[in-house]
């Protein structure tokens, strides 16, 4: 539940028009990217082998058994 709260908070900050640095200027997205990066690092703690297996099964449900996940598997090791 904690990981979902972190994800929802970061995405909410990303789409909310009022934030630390206004998005009108090109550098205005740096705080948004920082929030998303921090959220990714915090949520990565909760990704274990069980979560990876559930994600693979869901990908197989959506795309079938012929979908190649080897590229993602190699990056996650």
PDB file of N, CA and C in Angstrom:
ATOM      1  N   UNK A   1       0.824  -1.191   0.000  1.00  0.00           N
ATOM      2  CA  UNK A   1       0.000   0.000   0.000  1.00  0.00           C
ATOM      3  C   UNK A   1       0.868   1.256   0.000  1.00  0.00           C
ATOM      4  N   UNK A   2       2.021   1.187   0.655  1.00  0.00           N
ATOM      5  CA  UNK A   2       2.930   2.328   0.717  1.00  0.00           C
ATOM      6  C   UNK A   2       3.458   2.668  -0.673  1.00  0.00           C
ATOM      7  N   UNK A   3       3.769   1.647  -1.465  1.00  0.00           N
ATOM      8  CA  UNK A   3       4.277   1.873  -2.822  1.00  0.00           C
ATOM      9  C   UNK A   3       3.215   2.535  -3.694  1.00  0.00           C
ATOM     10  N   UNK A   4       1.967   2.156  -3.531  1.00  0.00           N
ATOM     11  CA  UNK A   4       0.888   2.786  -4.308  1.00  0.00           C
ATOM     12  C   UNK A   4       0.736   4.254  -3.924  1.00  0.00           C
ATOM     13  N   UNK A   5       0.843   4.553  -2.647  1.00  0.00           N
ATOM     14  CA  UNK A   5       0.726   5.940  -2.195  1.00  0.00           C
ATOM     15  C   UNK A   5       1.859   6.792  -2.756  1.00  0.00           C
ATOM     16  N   UNK A   6       3.063   6.250  -2.772  1.00  0.00           N
ATOM     17  CA  UNK A   6       4.202   6.971  -3.339  1.00  0.00           C
ATOM     18  C   UNK A   6       3.977   7.232  -4.822  1.00  0.00           C
ATOM     19  N   UNK A   7       3.528   6.219  -5.541  1.00  0.00           N
ATOM     20  CA  UNK A   7       3.300   6.349  -6.979  1.00  0.00           C
ATOM     21  C   UNK A   7       2.212   7.371  -7.276  1.00  0.00           C
ATOM     22  N   UNK A   8       1.106   7.291  -6.568  1.00  0.00           N
ATOM     23  CA  UNK A   8       0.000   8.228  -6.791  1.00  0.00           C
ATOM     24  C   UNK A   8       0.427   9.653  -6.451  1.00  0.00           C
ATOM     25  N   UNK A   9       1.188   9.823  -5.378  1.00  0.00           N
ATOM     26  CA  UNK A   9       1.653  11.155  -4.998  1.00  0.00           C
ATOM     27  C   UNK A   9       2.572  11.750  -6.057  1.00  0.00           C
ATOM     28  N   UNK A  10       3.508  10.956  -6.553  1.00  0.00           N
ATOM     29  CA  UNK A  10       4.440  11.453  -7.569  1.00  0.00           C
ATOM     30  C   UNK A  10       3.717  11.796  -8.864  1.00  0.00           C
ATOM     31  N   UNK A  11       2.794  10.947  -9.284  1.00  0.00           N
ATOM     32  CA  UNK A  11       2.036  11.235 -10.501  1.00  0.00           C
ATOM     33  C   UNK A  11       1.128  12.447 -10.308  1.00  0.00           C
ATOM     34  N   UNK A  12       0.558  12.582  -9.125  1.00  0.00           N
ATOM     35  CA  UNK A  12      -0.259  13.756  -8.832  1.00  0.00           C
ATOM     36  C   UNK A  12       0.558  15.032  -8.887  1.00  0.00           C
ATOM     37  N   UNK A  13       1.765  15.001  -8.342  1.00  0.00           N
ATOM     38  CA  UNK A  13       2.650  16.162  -8.409  1.00  0.00           C
ATOM     39  C   UNK A  13       3.015  16.465  -9.857  1.00  0.00           C
ATOM     40  N   UNK A  14       3.216  15.424 -10.649  1.00  0.00           N
ATOM     41  CA  UNK A  14       3.606  15.595 -12.046  1.00  0.00           C
ATOM     42  C   UNK A  14       2.507  16.287 -12.851  1.00  0.00           C
ATOM     43  N   UNK A  15       1.247  15.969 -12.604  1.00  0.00           N
ATOM     44  CA  UNK A  15       0.170  16.549 -13.410  1.00  0.00           C
ATOM     45  C   UNK A  15      -0.431  17.811 -12.786  1.00  0.00           C
ATOM     46  N   UNK A  16      -0.144  18.081 -11.530  1.00  0.00           N
ATOM     47  CA  UNK A  16      -0.692  19.264 -10.872  1.00  0.00           C
ATOM     48  C   UNK A  16      -0.041  20.512 -11.466  1.00  0.00           C
ATOM     49  N   UNK A  17      -0.819  21.505 -11.880  1.00  0.00           N
ATOM     50  CA  UNK A  17      -0.234  22.657 -12.571  1.00  0.00           C
ATOM     51  C   UNK A  17       0.609  23.570 -11.678  1.00  0.00           C
ATOM     52  N   UNK A  18       0.336  23.601 -10.385  1.00  0.00           N
ATOM     53  CA  UNK A  18       1.114  24.437  -9.476  1.00  0.00           C
ATOM     54  C   UNK A  18       2.126  23.568  -8.745  1.00  0.00           C
ATOM     55  N   UNK A  19       3.395  23.822  -8.992  1.00  0.00           N
ATOM     56  CA  UNK A  19       4.421  23.053  -8.303  1.00  0.00           C
ATOM     57  C   UNK A  19       5.604  23.952  -7.967  1.00  0.00           C
ATOM     58  N   UNK A  20       6.679  23.379  -7.496  1.00  0.00           N
ATOM     59  CA  UNK A  20       7.827  24.127  -6.999  1.00  0.00           C
ATOM     60  C   UNK A  20       8.409  25.050  -8.061  1.00  0.00           C
ATOM     61  N   UNK A  21       8.647  24.548  -9.246  1.00  0.00           N
ATOM     62  CA  UNK A  21       9.150  25.341 -10.371  1.00  0.00           C
ATOM     63  C   UNK A  21       8.090  25.286 -11.460  1.00  0.00           C
ATOM     64  N   UNK A  22       7.637  26.436 -11.912  1.00  0.00           N
ATOM     65  CA  UNK A  22       6.566  26.463 -12.905  1.00  0.00           C
ATOM     66  C   UNK A  22       6.988  25.777 -14.203  1.00  0.00           C
ATOM     67  N   UNK A  23       6.053  25.093 -14.829  1.00  0.00           N
ATOM     68  CA  UNK A  23       6.354  24.306 -16.024  1.00  0.00           C
ATOM     69  C   UNK A  23       6.369  25.137 -17.300  1.00  0.00           C
ATOM     70  N   UNK A  24       6.150  26.429 -17.197  1.00  0.00           N
ATOM     71  CA  UNK A  24       6.183  27.288 -18.381  1.00  0.00           C
ATOM     72  C   UNK A  24       7.599  27.358 -18.939  1.00  0.00           C
ATOM     73  N   UNK A  25       8.575  27.489 -18.070  1.00  0.00           N
ATOM     74  CA  UNK A  25       9.976  27.536 -18.494  1.00  0.00           C
ATOM     75  C   UNK A  25      10.475  26.119 -18.758  1.00  0.00           C
ATOM     76  N   UNK A  26      11.437  25.959 -19.666  1.00  0.00           N
ATOM     77  CA  UNK A  26      11.957  24.606 -19.967  1.00  0.00           C
ATOM     78  C   UNK A  26      12.525  23.890 -18.744  1.00  0.00           C
ATOM     79  N   UNK A  27      13.154  24.631 -17.841  1.00  0.00           N
ATOM     80  CA  UNK A  27      13.710  23.983 -16.648  1.00  0.00           C
ATOM     81  C   UNK A  27      12.634  23.683 -15.611  1.00  0.00           C
ATOM     82  N   UNK A  28      11.404  24.012 -15.913  1.00  0.00           N
ATOM     83  CA  UNK A  28      10.300  23.775 -14.988  1.00  0.00           C
ATOM     84  C   UNK A  28       9.965  22.314 -14.785  1.00  0.00           C
ATOM     85  N   UNK A  29      10.420  21.468 -15.674  1.00  0.00           N
ATOM     86  CA  UNK A  29      10.131  20.036 -15.542  1.00  0.00           C
ATOM     87  C   UNK A  29      11.171  19.300 -14.696  1.00  0.00           C
ATOM     88  N   UNK A  30      12.224  19.988 -14.281  1.00  0.00           N
ATOM     89  CA  UNK A  30      13.255  19.298 -13.501  1.00  0.00           C
ATOM     90  C   UNK A  30      12.726  18.836 -12.149  1.00  0.00           C
ATOM     91  N   UNK A  31      11.892  19.634 -11.505  1.00  0.00           N
ATOM     92  CA  UNK A  31      11.345  19.194 -10.220  1.00  0.00           C
ATOM     93  C   UNK A  31      10.371  18.039 -10.403  1.00  0.00           C
ATOM     94  N   UNK A  32       9.637  18.034 -11.526  1.00  0.00           N
ATOM     95  CA  UNK A  32       8.735  16.914 -11.813  1.00  0.00           C
ATOM     96  C   UNK A  32       9.529  15.628 -12.023  1.00  0.00           C
ATOM     97  N   UNK A  33      10.597  15.724 -12.795  1.00  0.00           N
ATOM     98  CA  UNK A  33      11.438  14.541 -13.025  1.00  0.00           C
ATOM     99  C   UNK A  33      12.106  14.085 -11.737  1.00  0.00           C
ATOM    100  N   UNK A  34      12.478  15.030 -10.891  1.00  0.00           N
ATOM    101  CA  UNK A  34      13.050  14.667  -9.598  1.00  0.00           C
ATOM    102  C   UNK A  34      12.059  13.917  -8.724  1.00  0.00           C
ATOM    103  N   UNK A  35      10.809  14.367  -8.733  1.00  0.00           N
ATOM    104  CA  UNK A  35       9.769  13.682  -7.951  1.00  0.00           C
ATOM    105  C   UNK A  35       9.528  12.279  -8.486  1.00  0.00           C
ATOM    106  N   UNK A  36       9.469  12.147  -9.815  1.00  0.00           N
ATOM    107  CA  UNK A  36       9.258  10.821 -10.405  1.00  0.00           C
ATOM    108  C   UNK A  36      10.452   9.904 -10.153  1.00  0.00           C
ATOM    109  N   UNK A  37      11.666  10.445 -10.268  1.00  0.00           N
ATOM    110  CA  UNK A  37      12.860   9.635 -10.008  1.00  0.00           C
ATOM    111  C   UNK A  37      12.931   9.161  -8.569  1.00  0.00           C
ATOM    112  N   UNK A  38      12.623  10.053  -7.644  1.00  0.00           N
ATOM    113  CA  UNK A  38      12.608   9.678  -6.229  1.00  0.00           C
ATOM    114  C   UNK A  38      11.560   8.605  -5.963  1.00  0.00           C
ATOM    115  N   UNK A  39      10.401   8.748  -6.581  1.00  0.00           N
ATOM    116  CA  UNK A  39       9.344   7.743  -6.407  1.00  0.00           C
ATOM    117  C   UNK A  39       9.783   6.395  -6.963  1.00  0.00           C
ATOM    118  N   UNK A  40      10.425   6.400  -8.128  1.00  0.00           N
ATOM    119  CA  UNK A  40      10.904   5.138  -8.706  1.00  0.00           C
ATOM    120  C   UNK A  40      11.906   4.450  -7.793  1.00  0.00           C
ATOM    121  N   UNK A  41      12.818   5.216  -7.225  1.00  0.00           N
ATOM    122  CA  UNK A  41      13.809   4.619  -6.322  1.00  0.00           C
ATOM    123  C   UNK A  41      13.154   4.059  -5.062  1.00  0.00           C
ATOM    124  N   UNK A  42      12.173   4.758  -4.528  1.00  0.00           N
ATOM    125  CA  UNK A  42      11.508   4.277  -3.321  1.00  0.00           C
ATOM    126  C   UNK A  42      10.644   3.051  -3.590  1.00  0.00           C
ATOM    127  N   UNK A  43       9.996   3.004  -4.734  1.00  0.00           N
ATOM    128  CA  UNK A  43       9.137   1.871  -5.066  1.00  0.00           C
ATOM    129  C   UNK A  43       9.973   0.650  -5.446  1.00  0.00           C
ATOM    130  N   UNK A  44      11.161   0.865  -5.992  1.00  0.00           N
ATOM    131  CA  UNK A  44      12.022  -0.248  -6.404  1.00  0.00           C
ATOM    132  C   UNK A  44      12.367  -1.163  -5.232  1.00  0.00           C
ATOM    133  N   UNK A  45      12.332  -0.653  -4.029  1.00  0.00           N
ATOM    134  CA  UNK A  45      12.614  -1.458  -2.834  1.00  0.00           C
ATOM    135  C   UNK A  45      11.607  -2.601  -2.699  1.00  0.00           C
ATOM    136  N   UNK A  46      10.376  -2.372  -3.133  1.00  0.00           N
ATOM    137  CA  UNK A  46       9.300  -3.345  -2.957  1.00  0.00           C
ATOM    138  C   UNK A  46       9.224  -4.380  -4.079  1.00  0.00           C
ATOM    139  N   UNK A  47      10.064  -4.259  -5.096  1.00  0.00           N
ATOM    140  CA  UNK A  47      10.011  -5.190  -6.226  1.00  0.00           C
ATOM    141  C   UNK A  47      10.898  -6.391  -5.914  1.00  0.00           C
ATOM    142  N   UNK A  48      10.268  -7.518  -5.615  1.00  0.00           N
ATOM    143  CA  UNK A  48      10.994  -8.757  -5.367  1.00  0.00           C
ATOM    144  C   UNK A  48      10.646  -9.764  -6.466  1.00  0.00           C
ATOM    145  N   UNK A  49      11.116 -10.974  -6.324  1.00  0.00           N
ATOM    146  CA  UNK A  49      10.897 -11.981  -7.366  1.00  0.00           C
ATOM    147  C   UNK A  49       9.413 -12.295  -7.549  1.00  0.00           C
ATOM    148  N   UNK A  50       8.651 -12.265  -6.473  1.00  0.00           N
ATOM    149  CA  UNK A  50       7.214 -12.522  -6.566  1.00  0.00           C
ATOM    150  C   UNK A  50       6.518 -11.465  -7.431  1.00  0.00           C
ATOM    151  N   UNK A  51       6.883 -10.206  -7.245  1.00  0.00           N
ATOM    152  CA  UNK A  51       6.305  -9.124  -8.042  1.00  0.00           C
ATOM    153  C   UNK A  51       6.700  -9.279  -9.507  1.00  0.00           C
ATOM    154  N   UNK A  52       7.954  -9.637  -9.751  1.00  0.00           N
ATOM    155  CA  UNK A  52       8.416  -9.844 -11.133  1.00  0.00           C
ATOM    156  C   UNK A  52       7.650 -10.986 -11.802  1.00  0.00           C
ATOM    157  N   UNK A  53       7.420 -12.064 -11.060  1.00  0.00           N
ATOM    158  CA  UNK A  53       6.675 -13.198 -11.623  1.00  0.00           C
ATOM    159  C   UNK A  53       5.227 -12.817 -11.934  1.00  0.00           C
ATOM    160  N   UNK A  54       4.602 -12.049 -11.039  1.00  0.00           N
ATOM    161  CA  UNK A  54       3.234 -11.597 -11.291  1.00  0.00           C
ATOM    162  C   UNK A  54       3.174 -10.703 -12.529  1.00  0.00           C
ATOM    163  N   UNK A  55       4.169  -9.839 -12.693  1.00  0.00           N
ATOM    164  CA  UNK A  55       4.202  -8.958 -13.862  1.00  0.00           C
ATOM    165  C   UNK A  55       4.382  -9.762 -15.147  1.00  0.00           C
ATOM    166  N   UNK A  56       5.252 -10.766 -15.113  1.00  0.00           N
ATOM    167  CA  UNK A  56       5.442 -11.624 -16.291  1.00  0.00           C
ATOM    168  C   UNK A  56       4.155 -12.356 -16.652  1.00  0.00           C
ATOM    169  N   UNK A  57       3.462 -12.860 -15.654  1.00  0.00           N
ATOM    170  CA  UNK A  57       2.194 -13.548 -15.916  1.00  0.00           C
ATOM    171  C   UNK A  57       1.159 -12.602 -16.512  1.00  0.00           C
ATOM    172  N   UNK A  58       1.124 -11.373 -16.032  1.00  0.00           N
ATOM    173  CA  UNK A  58       0.180 -10.392 -16.573  1.00  0.00           C
ATOM    174  C   UNK A  58       0.544 -10.046 -18.015  1.00  0.00           C
ATOM    175  N   UNK A  59       1.828  -9.932 -18.328  1.00  0.00           N
ATOM    176  CA  UNK A  59       2.258  -9.672 -19.708  1.00  0.00           C
ATOM    177  C   UNK A  59       1.849 -10.826 -20.608  1.00  0.00           C
ATOM    178  N   UNK A  60       1.998 -12.051 -20.114  1.00  0.00           N
ATOM    179  CA  UNK A  60       1.565 -13.220 -20.900  1.00  0.00           C
ATOM    180  C   UNK A  60       0.054 -13.205 -21.123  1.00  0.00           C
ATOM    181  N   UNK A  61      -0.705 -12.773 -20.117  1.00  0.00           N
ATOM    182  CA  UNK A  61      -2.161 -12.669 -20.276  1.00  0.00           C
ATOM    183  C   UNK A  61      -2.524 -11.657 -21.363  1.00  0.00           C
ATOM    184  N   UNK A  62      -1.822 -10.544 -21.369  1.00  0.00           N
ATOM    185  CA  UNK A  62      -2.137  -9.474 -22.310  1.00  0.00           C
ATOM    186  C   UNK A  62      -1.656  -9.763 -23.727  1.00  0.00           C
ATOM    187  N   UNK A  63      -0.412 -10.267 -23.849  1.00  0.00           N
ATOM    188  CA  UNK A  63       0.231 -10.373 -25.159  1.00  0.00           C
ATOM    189  C   UNK A  63       0.443 -11.798 -25.641  1.00  0.00           C
ATOM    190  N   UNK A  64       0.177 -12.785 -24.812  1.00  0.00           N
ATOM    191  CA  UNK A  64       0.357 -14.177 -25.202  1.00  0.00           C
ATOM    192  C   UNK A  64       1.740 -14.693 -24.850  1.00  0.00           C
ATOM    193  N   UNK A  65       1.915 -16.001 -25.014  1.00  0.00           N
ATOM    194  CA  UNK A  65       3.177 -16.643 -24.634  1.00  0.00           C
ATOM    195  C   UNK A  65       4.332 -16.303 -25.559  1.00  0.00           C
ATOM    196  N   UNK A  66       4.040 -15.854 -26.768  1.00  0.00           N
ATOM    197  CA  UNK A  66       5.112 -15.592 -27.720  1.00  0.00           C
ATOM    198  C   UNK A  66       5.814 -14.258 -27.476  1.00  0.00           C
ATOM    199  N   UNK A  67       5.318 -13.456 -26.545  1.00  0.00           N
ATOM    200  CA  UNK A  67       5.938 -12.163 -26.255  1.00  0.00           C
ATOM    201  C   UNK A  67       7.293 -12.383 -25.593  1.00  0.00           C
ATOM    202  N   UNK A  68       8.336 -11.754 -26.133  1.00  0.00           N
ATOM    203  CA  UNK A  68       9.709 -11.946 -25.660  1.00  0.00           C
ATOM    204  C   UNK A  68      10.021 -10.959 -24.534  1.00  0.00           C
ATOM    205  N   UNK A  69      10.291 -11.476 -23.344  1.00  0.00           N
ATOM    206  CA  UNK A  69      10.629 -10.629 -22.201  1.00  0.00           C
ATOM    207  C   UNK A  69      12.108 -10.694 -21.851  1.00  0.00           C
ATOM    208  N   UNK A  70      12.922 -11.269 -22.709  1.00  0.00           N
ATOM    209  CA  UNK A  70      14.335 -11.462 -22.376  1.00  0.00           C
ATOM    210  C   UNK A  70      15.079 -10.141 -22.231  1.00  0.00           C
ATOM    211  N   UNK A  71      14.739  -9.125 -23.015  1.00  0.00           N
ATOM    212  CA  UNK A  71      15.420  -7.837 -22.909  1.00  0.00           C
ATOM    213  C   UNK A  71      15.184  -7.211 -21.534  1.00  0.00           C
ATOM    214  N   UNK A  72      13.967  -7.297 -21.049  1.00  0.00           N
ATOM    215  CA  UNK A  72      13.652  -6.756 -19.731  1.00  0.00           C
ATOM    216  C   UNK A  72      14.281  -7.621 -18.642  1.00  0.00           C
ATOM    217  N   UNK A  73      14.244  -8.930 -18.818  1.00  0.00           N
ATOM    218  CA  UNK A  73      14.827  -9.840 -17.830  1.00  0.00           C
ATOM    219  C   UNK A  73      16.311  -9.561 -17.628  1.00  0.00           C
ATOM    220  N   UNK A  74      17.029  -9.305 -18.703  1.00  0.00           N
ATOM    221  CA  UNK A  74      18.470  -9.053 -18.609  1.00  0.00           C
ATOM    222  C   UNK A  74      18.763  -7.751 -17.877  1.00  0.00           C
ATOM    223  N   UNK A  75      17.918  -6.760 -18.006  1.00  0.00           N
ATOM    224  CA  UNK A  75      18.132  -5.479 -17.334  1.00  0.00           C
ATOM    225  C   UNK A  75      17.797  -5.547 -15.848  1.00  0.00           C
ATOM    226  N   UNK A  76      16.931  -6.447 -15.462  1.00  0.00           N
ATOM    227  CA  UNK A  76      16.503  -6.526 -14.068  1.00  0.00           C
ATOM    228  C   UNK A  76      17.369  -7.433 -13.204  1.00  0.00           C
ATOM    229  N   UNK A  77      18.324  -8.098 -13.786  1.00  0.00           N
ATOM    230  CA  UNK A  77      19.161  -9.011 -12.990  1.00  0.00           C
ATOM    231  C   UNK A  77      20.211  -8.293 -12.217  1.00  0.00           C
TER     232      UNK A  77
END
